[in-house]
Amino acid sequence: MEYKTLGKSGIKVSELAFGAWAIGGWFWGGADSKDAIRALETAVDNGMTTIDTAPVYGFGLSEELVGKSIKGKRDKVQILTKFGLIWDEKKGEFYFSSQNNEGKDVNLYRYSSKERVISDCNDSLKRLGTDYIDLFQIHWPDKTTPVSETMEALEYLISKGKILAGAVCNYSTELMSEAANTFTIASDQVPYSMLNRAIEKEIVPYCIKNNIGILAYSPLQRGLLSGKIRKDHKFNNGDTRAVNVYYKEPNLSRIIQFTENLEQIAKEIKVSVSQLVLNWTMQQPGITCVLSGARNSTQVLENIKACEFRLTKEDILNINNLLSDLKLETPK
């Protein structure tokens, strides 16, 4: 496992991080808390010391599980969490309606006023059972709050020692540029996978030029690039992947064929398809850290093996040739 500095922050993160969305259960059809804690402990014990979570992942559950798993290990881990996606107030920009883990209807809003950012931080600290957060990230842009106000809140939290660095998620280059007028962000967390390479056009060049880290989420496209999904896959209740554009035809059949082609390359170098995909993602220009989710220890150890080899230039060329032949339909 290699460790890289996140932008100008001085924070070292593992090249592969534990993405803690799935352990919160929300959008993933539930989760087993005991398995989740063991998975987190296994990750840290095996060098995956960076953990990325958020309050909305299970409506507090994911952060609580992270907190339980790191007791006695706080100095060994980097905790990355988020703010600005709320469900207990009707403020800011309406995002969408959903159901919490108990099946109750909730409305989600993007809201990142200075006051709310500070209160979100205090709530996260309590759930995580720690007195500081390594990286505090705005979860989604909020059109109703000036970017400068949100960035001022991050500066304030740093001055109080509650966070070590501040960052953004899902920010465009324009928003990052605006944020830079007030605050030095450490990173931008954005979706990136073999199937979704939109950030390569503008965000990657901008981040490289301005020394901003990139945290890539959904590298396996919510499991679709694991090589384990078949056409007859059954989803648990509450699992929203079934309506995702990549899981719909004709995309699903084309992607499954693509992963079967990847499997031939993976077999030659004696790794799994998911390990190959994660390694490819880690080697792409500008990528500082790749988030990989897991529900249990077995999945964690499988993911970590993606750091035990390096694809050759020839391997990457062969993979990219397969990618160039993959034609997907995108939402209009």
Protein backbone atom coordinates (compact mmCIF):
# COMPACT_ATOMS: atom_id res chain seq x y z
CA MET A 1 0.00 0.00 0.00
CA GLU A 2 1.37 3.39 -1.00
CA TYR A 3 0.52 6.64 0.77
CA LYS A 4 0.14 9.93 -1.02
CA THR A 5 -0.08 13.53 0.14
CA LEU A 6 -3.50 15.05 -0.41
CA GLY A 7 -2.96 18.27 -2.33
CA LYS A 8 -1.35 20.98 -0.23
CA SER A 9 -2.79 19.68 3.04
CA GLY A 10 0.14 17.60 4.24
CA ILE A 11 -2.28 14.75 5.01
CA LYS A 12 -1.07 11.34 3.85
CA VAL A 13 -3.79 9.01 2.60
CA SER A 14 -3.63 5.38 1.53
CA GLU A 15 -3.89 4.97 -2.24
CA LEU A 16 -6.91 2.78 -1.63
CA ALA A 17 -9.44 4.00 0.95
CA PHE A 18 -12.35 2.33 2.67
CA GLY A 19 -15.53 3.79 1.22
CA ALA A 20 -18.10 3.55 4.02
CA TRP A 21 -21.30 4.28 2.09
CA ALA A 22 -22.44 0.66 1.82
CA ILE A 23 -22.00 -0.14 5.53
CA GLY A 24 -24.59 2.52 6.33
CA GLY A 25 -27.13 0.37 4.48
CA TRP A 26 -28.92 3.28 2.82
CA PHE A 27 -29.33 2.69 -0.96
CA TRP A 28 -27.59 -0.68 -0.57
CA GLY A 29 -30.44 -2.80 0.78
CA GLY A 30 -29.25 -2.83 4.39
CA ALA A 31 -26.02 -3.90 6.07
CA ASP A 32 -24.78 -6.01 8.99
CA SER A 33 -23.17 -3.80 11.63
CA LYS A 34 -20.93 -6.52 13.10
CA ASP A 35 -19.60 -7.40 9.65
CA ALA A 36 -19.05 -3.71 8.95
CA ILE A 37 -16.98 -3.14 12.08
CA ARG A 38 -14.86 -6.22 11.37
CA ALA A 39 -14.39 -5.01 7.81
CA LEU A 40 -13.19 -1.60 8.99
CA GLU A 41 -10.82 -3.15 11.53
CA THR A 42 -9.43 -5.50 8.87
CA ALA A 43 -8.86 -2.57 6.52
CA VAL A 44 -6.84 -0.57 9.05
CA ASP A 45 -4.87 -3.60 10.23
CA ASN A 46 -3.84 -4.26 6.62
CA GLY A 47 -2.73 -0.76 5.70
CA MET A 48 -5.95 0.73 4.32
CA THR A 49 -5.85 3.49 6.91
CA THR A 50 -8.01 6.07 5.13
CA ILE A 51 -11.76 5.84 5.78
CA ASP A 52 -14.30 7.94 3.89
CA THR A 53 -17.77 8.31 5.35
CA ALA A 54 -20.64 10.83 5.60
CA PRO A 55 -23.53 11.63 7.96
CA VAL A 56 -26.13 10.69 5.34
CA TYR A 57 -24.70 7.18 4.88
CA GLY A 58 -27.30 5.39 6.96
CA PHE A 59 -28.34 8.71 8.54
CA GLY A 60 -25.53 8.63 11.09
CA LEU A 61 -25.01 4.85 11.20
CA SER A 62 -21.92 4.74 9.00
CA GLU A 63 -20.12 7.37 11.09
CA GLU A 64 -21.08 5.56 14.30
CA LEU A 65 -19.70 2.27 12.97
CA VAL A 66 -16.48 3.99 11.91
CA GLY A 67 -16.20 5.47 15.41
CA LYS A 68 -16.59 2.07 17.06
CA SER A 69 -14.03 0.47 14.75
CA ILE A 70 -11.24 2.99 15.37
CA LYS A 71 -11.27 3.03 19.17
CA GLY A 72 -7.67 2.78 20.29
CA LYS A 73 -6.46 3.29 16.71
CA ARG A 74 -7.22 6.97 16.12
CA ASP A 75 -3.57 7.87 15.51
CA LYS A 76 -3.34 5.18 12.81
CA VAL A 77 -6.23 6.34 10.63
CA GLN A 78 -7.32 9.27 8.51
CA ILE A 79 -11.02 10.02 8.86
CA LEU A 80 -12.66 11.71 5.90
CA THR A 81 -16.27 12.73 6.34
CA LYS A 82 -18.68 15.23 4.85
CA PHE A 83 -21.28 17.89 5.52
CA GLY A 84 -24.03 19.79 3.77
CA LEU A 85 -26.51 17.04 2.87
CA ILE A 86 -29.26 17.37 5.48
CA TRP A 87 -32.57 15.70 6.23
CA ASP A 88 -33.67 17.26 9.54
CA GLU A 89 -34.42 20.74 8.19
CA LYS A 90 -36.10 22.18 5.11
CA LYS A 91 -33.33 24.59 4.22
CA GLY A 92 -31.18 25.17 1.19
CA GLU A 93 -31.64 23.44 -2.15
CA PHE A 94 -34.03 20.48 -2.31
CA TYR A 95 -32.13 17.40 -3.52
CA PHE A 96 -34.52 14.43 -3.56
CA SER A 97 -36.90 12.33 -1.47
CA SER A 98 -35.90 8.93 -0.12
CA GLN A 99 -36.44 6.57 2.78
CA ASN A 100 -34.19 6.09 5.76
CA ASN A 101 -33.07 2.70 7.09
CA GLU A 102 -36.36 2.33 8.97
CA GLY A 103 -38.38 2.87 5.82
CA LYS A 104 -39.57 6.34 6.80
CA ASP A 105 -39.83 9.03 4.12
CA VAL A 106 -37.19 11.76 4.27
CA ASN A 107 -36.44 14.83 2.17
CA LEU A 108 -32.80 15.63 1.50
CA TYR A 109 -31.49 19.17 1.05
CA ARG A 110 -28.13 20.59 0.05
CA TYR A 111 -27.37 23.21 2.67
CA SER A 112 -23.96 24.53 3.71
CA SER A 113 -24.36 27.81 5.61
CA LYS A 114 -21.54 28.64 7.99
CA GLU A 115 -23.69 27.87 11.01
CA ARG A 116 -24.81 24.55 9.59
CA VAL A 117 -21.29 23.49 8.58
CA ILE A 118 -20.08 24.07 12.13
CA SER A 119 -23.01 22.18 13.67
CA ASP A 120 -22.57 19.31 11.18
CA CYS A 121 -18.94 19.07 12.23
CA ASN A 122 -19.83 18.90 15.92
CA ASP A 123 -22.42 16.19 15.25
CA SER A 124 -19.94 14.15 13.21
CA LEU A 125 -17.30 14.41 15.92
CA LYS A 126 -19.76 12.95 18.43
CA ARG A 127 -20.78 10.07 16.18
CA LEU A 128 -17.17 9.31 15.28
CA GLY A 129 -16.04 9.51 18.90
CA THR A 130 -13.06 11.72 18.09
CA ASP A 131 -12.00 15.30 18.72
CA TYR A 132 -10.81 16.04 15.18
CA ILE A 133 -11.56 15.10 11.58
CA ASP A 134 -8.69 14.77 9.11
CA LEU A 135 -10.62 15.93 6.04
CA PHE A 136 -14.03 17.64 6.10
CA GLN A 137 -15.72 17.78 2.69
CA ILE A 138 -18.83 19.50 1.35
CA HIS A 139 -20.90 16.62 0.01
CA TRP A 140 -22.60 18.44 -2.87
CA PRO A 141 -22.55 22.04 -4.13
CA ASP A 142 -25.24 24.23 -2.54
CA LYS A 143 -26.62 26.93 -4.84
CA THR A 144 -28.32 28.74 -1.96
CA THR A 145 -25.17 29.50 0.04
CA PRO A 146 -22.23 31.56 -1.24
CA VAL A 147 -19.18 29.38 -1.79
CA SER A 148 -17.13 31.89 0.20
CA GLU A 149 -19.37 31.43 3.26
CA THR A 150 -18.93 27.67 3.20
CA MET A 151 -15.16 28.01 2.77
CA GLU A 152 -14.99 30.50 5.67
CA ALA A 153 -16.64 27.87 7.86
CA LEU A 154 -13.89 25.38 6.96
CA GLU A 155 -11.23 27.96 7.80
CA TYR A 156 -12.91 28.55 11.15
CA LEU A 157 -13.01 24.82 11.95
CA ILE A 158 -9.31 24.51 11.17
CA SER A 159 -8.53 27.43 13.50
CA LYS A 160 -10.41 25.62 16.27
CA GLY A 161 -8.54 22.36 15.67
CA LYS A 162 -11.71 20.45 14.82
CA ILE A 163 -10.54 19.57 11.30
CA LEU A 164 -7.08 19.33 9.78
CA ALA A 165 -8.11 20.20 6.24
CA GLY A 166 -11.17 21.06 4.18
CA ALA A 167 -12.23 19.83 0.77
CA VAL A 168 -15.06 19.53 -1.73
CA CYS A 169 -16.99 16.79 -3.48
CA ASN A 170 -18.63 16.92 -6.89
CA TYR A 171 -17.26 20.41 -7.60
CA SER A 172 -16.72 21.68 -11.12
CA THR A 173 -13.55 23.55 -12.06
CA GLU A 174 -15.53 26.80 -11.87
CA LEU A 175 -16.62 26.13 -8.30
CA MET A 176 -13.12 25.08 -7.26
CA SER A 177 -11.75 28.28 -8.73
CA GLU A 178 -14.32 30.29 -6.79
CA ALA A 179 -13.50 28.43 -3.58
CA ALA A 180 -9.81 29.21 -4.07
CA ASN A 181 -10.55 32.91 -3.57
CA THR A 182 -11.35 32.19 0.08
CA PHE A 183 -9.79 28.87 1.06
CA THR A 184 -7.19 26.32 -0.07
CA ILE A 185 -9.06 23.08 -0.66
CA ALA A 186 -7.16 19.83 -0.30
CA SER A 187 -9.12 17.76 -2.77
CA ASP A 188 -12.17 17.16 -4.91
CA GLN A 189 -14.02 13.86 -4.48
CA VAL A 190 -15.67 12.89 -7.76
CA PRO A 191 -17.13 9.83 -9.50
CA TYR A 192 -14.63 8.08 -11.73
CA SER A 193 -14.51 4.64 -13.28
CA MET A 194 -13.77 2.90 -16.54
CA LEU A 195 -17.42 3.54 -17.44
CA ASN A 196 -17.57 7.14 -16.24
CA ARG A 197 -14.50 9.15 -17.30
CA ALA A 198 -16.05 12.61 -17.55
CA ILE A 199 -13.55 14.17 -15.11
CA GLU A 200 -10.66 13.54 -17.51
CA LYS A 201 -11.69 16.48 -19.71
CA GLU A 202 -11.48 19.41 -17.26
CA ILE A 203 -11.29 18.37 -13.60
CA VAL A 204 -8.16 16.22 -13.80
CA PRO A 205 -6.06 18.83 -15.67
CA TYR A 206 -7.26 21.58 -13.31
CA CYS A 207 -6.43 19.57 -10.18
CA ILE A 208 -3.00 18.57 -11.48
CA LYS A 209 -2.20 22.19 -12.36
CA ASN A 210 -3.34 23.51 -8.96
CA ASN A 211 -2.05 20.65 -6.81
CA ILE A 212 -5.49 19.54 -5.67
CA GLY A 213 -5.95 15.90 -4.77
CA ILE A 214 -8.57 13.75 -6.47
CA LEU A 215 -10.52 11.16 -4.51
CA ALA A 216 -12.20 8.82 -6.98
CA TYR A 217 -15.46 7.24 -5.86
CA SER A 218 -17.51 4.45 -7.45
CA PRO A 219 -14.48 2.97 -9.29
CA LEU A 220 -16.34 -0.35 -9.64
CA GLN A 221 -19.49 1.50 -10.74
CA ARG A 222 -21.39 0.23 -7.70
CA GLY A 223 -20.25 -3.34 -8.23
CA LEU A 224 -20.87 -3.58 -11.96
CA LEU A 225 -17.15 -3.73 -12.78
CA SER A 226 -16.48 -6.42 -10.18
CA GLY A 227 -17.02 -9.14 -12.76
CA LYS A 228 -19.61 -10.74 -10.47
CA ILE A 229 -22.78 -9.19 -11.89
CA ARG A 230 -24.84 -11.24 -14.30
CA LYS A 231 -28.07 -10.49 -16.17
CA ASP A 232 -30.16 -12.43 -13.65
CA HIS A 233 -28.72 -10.62 -10.61
CA LYS A 234 -31.27 -10.19 -7.80
CA PHE A 235 -31.22 -6.98 -5.75
CA ASN A 236 -32.27 -6.69 -2.11
CA ASN A 237 -35.17 -4.43 -1.17
CA GLY A 238 -33.94 -0.84 -0.98
CA ASP A 239 -31.03 -1.45 -3.38
CA THR A 240 -31.32 1.33 -5.98
CA ARG A 241 -28.77 -0.05 -8.41
CA ALA A 242 -31.49 -1.75 -10.43
CA VAL A 243 -32.64 1.59 -11.84
CA ASN A 244 -29.13 2.88 -12.55
CA VAL A 245 -28.46 3.64 -16.23
CA TYR A 246 -25.48 1.27 -16.31
CA TYR A 247 -27.64 -1.60 -15.02
CA LYS A 248 -30.22 -1.13 -17.75
CA GLU A 249 -30.18 -2.67 -21.21
CA PRO A 250 -28.46 -2.44 -23.60
CA ASN A 251 -25.72 -1.12 -21.30
CA LEU A 252 -25.85 -4.06 -18.91
CA SER A 253 -25.18 -6.70 -21.58
CA ARG A 254 -22.39 -4.63 -23.12
CA ILE A 255 -20.71 -4.06 -19.76
CA ILE A 256 -20.97 -7.71 -18.77
CA GLN A 257 -19.28 -8.66 -22.06
CA PHE A 258 -16.61 -6.03 -21.35
CA THR A 259 -15.90 -7.48 -17.89
CA GLU A 260 -15.66 -10.95 -19.42
CA ASN A 261 -13.00 -9.59 -21.78
CA LEU A 262 -11.24 -7.99 -18.82
CA GLU A 263 -11.26 -11.36 -17.12
CA GLN A 264 -8.92 -12.73 -19.78
CA ILE A 265 -6.34 -10.04 -18.94
CA ALA A 266 -6.89 -10.56 -15.22
CA LYS A 267 -6.28 -14.31 -15.51
CA GLU A 268 -2.96 -13.74 -17.27
CA ILE A 269 -1.65 -11.70 -14.35
CA LYS A 270 -3.43 -13.87 -11.75
CA VAL A 271 -5.72 -11.23 -10.24
CA SER A 272 -9.48 -10.76 -10.10
CA VAL A 273 -11.40 -8.41 -12.38
CA SER A 274 -12.16 -6.02 -9.50
CA GLN A 275 -8.48 -5.92 -8.50
CA LEU A 276 -7.51 -5.17 -12.08
CA VAL A 277 -10.10 -2.38 -12.31
CA LEU A 278 -9.01 -0.79 -9.01
CA ASN A 279 -5.35 -0.93 -10.03
CA TRP A 280 -6.10 0.66 -13.40
CA THR A 281 -8.00 3.44 -11.63
CA MET A 282 -5.18 4.10 -9.14
CA GLN A 283 -2.71 4.50 -12.01
CA GLN A 284 -4.68 7.13 -13.92
CA PRO A 285 -3.23 10.68 -14.06
CA GLY A 286 -4.16 12.96 -11.17
CA ILE A 287 -5.81 10.29 -9.02
CA THR A 288 -4.57 10.51 -5.43
CA CYS A 289 -6.82 7.98 -3.76
CA VAL A 290 -9.46 5.48 -4.88
CA LEU A 291 -12.43 4.64 -2.65
CA SER A 292 -13.47 1.01 -2.47
CA GLY A 293 -16.49 -0.11 -0.50
CA ALA A 294 -16.81 -3.40 1.36
CA ARG A 295 -19.42 -5.04 3.57
CA ASN A 296 -17.18 -7.65 5.20
CA SER A 297 -13.55 -8.57 5.86
CA THR A 298 -13.32 -10.92 2.88
CA GLN A 299 -14.21 -8.12 0.49
CA VAL A 300 -11.69 -5.79 2.18
CA LEU A 301 -8.82 -8.24 1.78
CA GLU A 302 -9.80 -8.82 -1.85
CA ASN A 303 -9.72 -5.06 -2.50
CA ILE A 304 -6.36 -4.59 -0.78
CA LYS A 305 -4.75 -7.10 -3.13
CA ALA A 306 -5.28 -4.49 -5.85
CA CYS A 307 -2.32 -2.65 -4.30
CA GLU A 308 0.02 -5.62 -4.45
CA PHE A 309 0.85 -5.35 -8.16
CA ARG A 310 1.15 -2.75 -10.90
CA LEU A 311 -0.33 -3.09 -14.36
CA THR A 312 2.29 -2.72 -17.07
CA LYS A 313 2.02 -0.17 -19.86
CA GLU A 314 1.08 -3.01 -22.18
CA ASP A 315 -1.68 -4.16 -19.81
CA ILE A 316 -3.09 -0.65 -19.62
CA LEU A 317 -2.95 -0.29 -23.40
CA ASN A 318 -4.87 -3.55 -23.84
CA ILE A 319 -7.49 -2.42 -21.32
CA ASN A 320 -7.83 0.98 -22.96
CA ASN A 321 -8.33 -0.68 -26.34
CA LEU A 322 -11.23 -2.66 -24.87
CA LEU A 323 -12.62 0.55 -23.41
CA SER A 324 -12.48 2.31 -26.76
CA ASP A 325 -14.66 -0.45 -28.22
CA LEU A 326 -17.25 -0.19 -25.43
CA LYS A 327 -20.27 1.83 -26.56
CA LEU A 328 -22.74 2.86 -23.85
CA GLU A 329 -25.99 4.78 -23.95
CA THR A 330 -26.09 7.76 -21.58
CA PRO A 331 -29.10 9.69 -20.25
CA LYS A 332 -30.34 12.44 -22.61
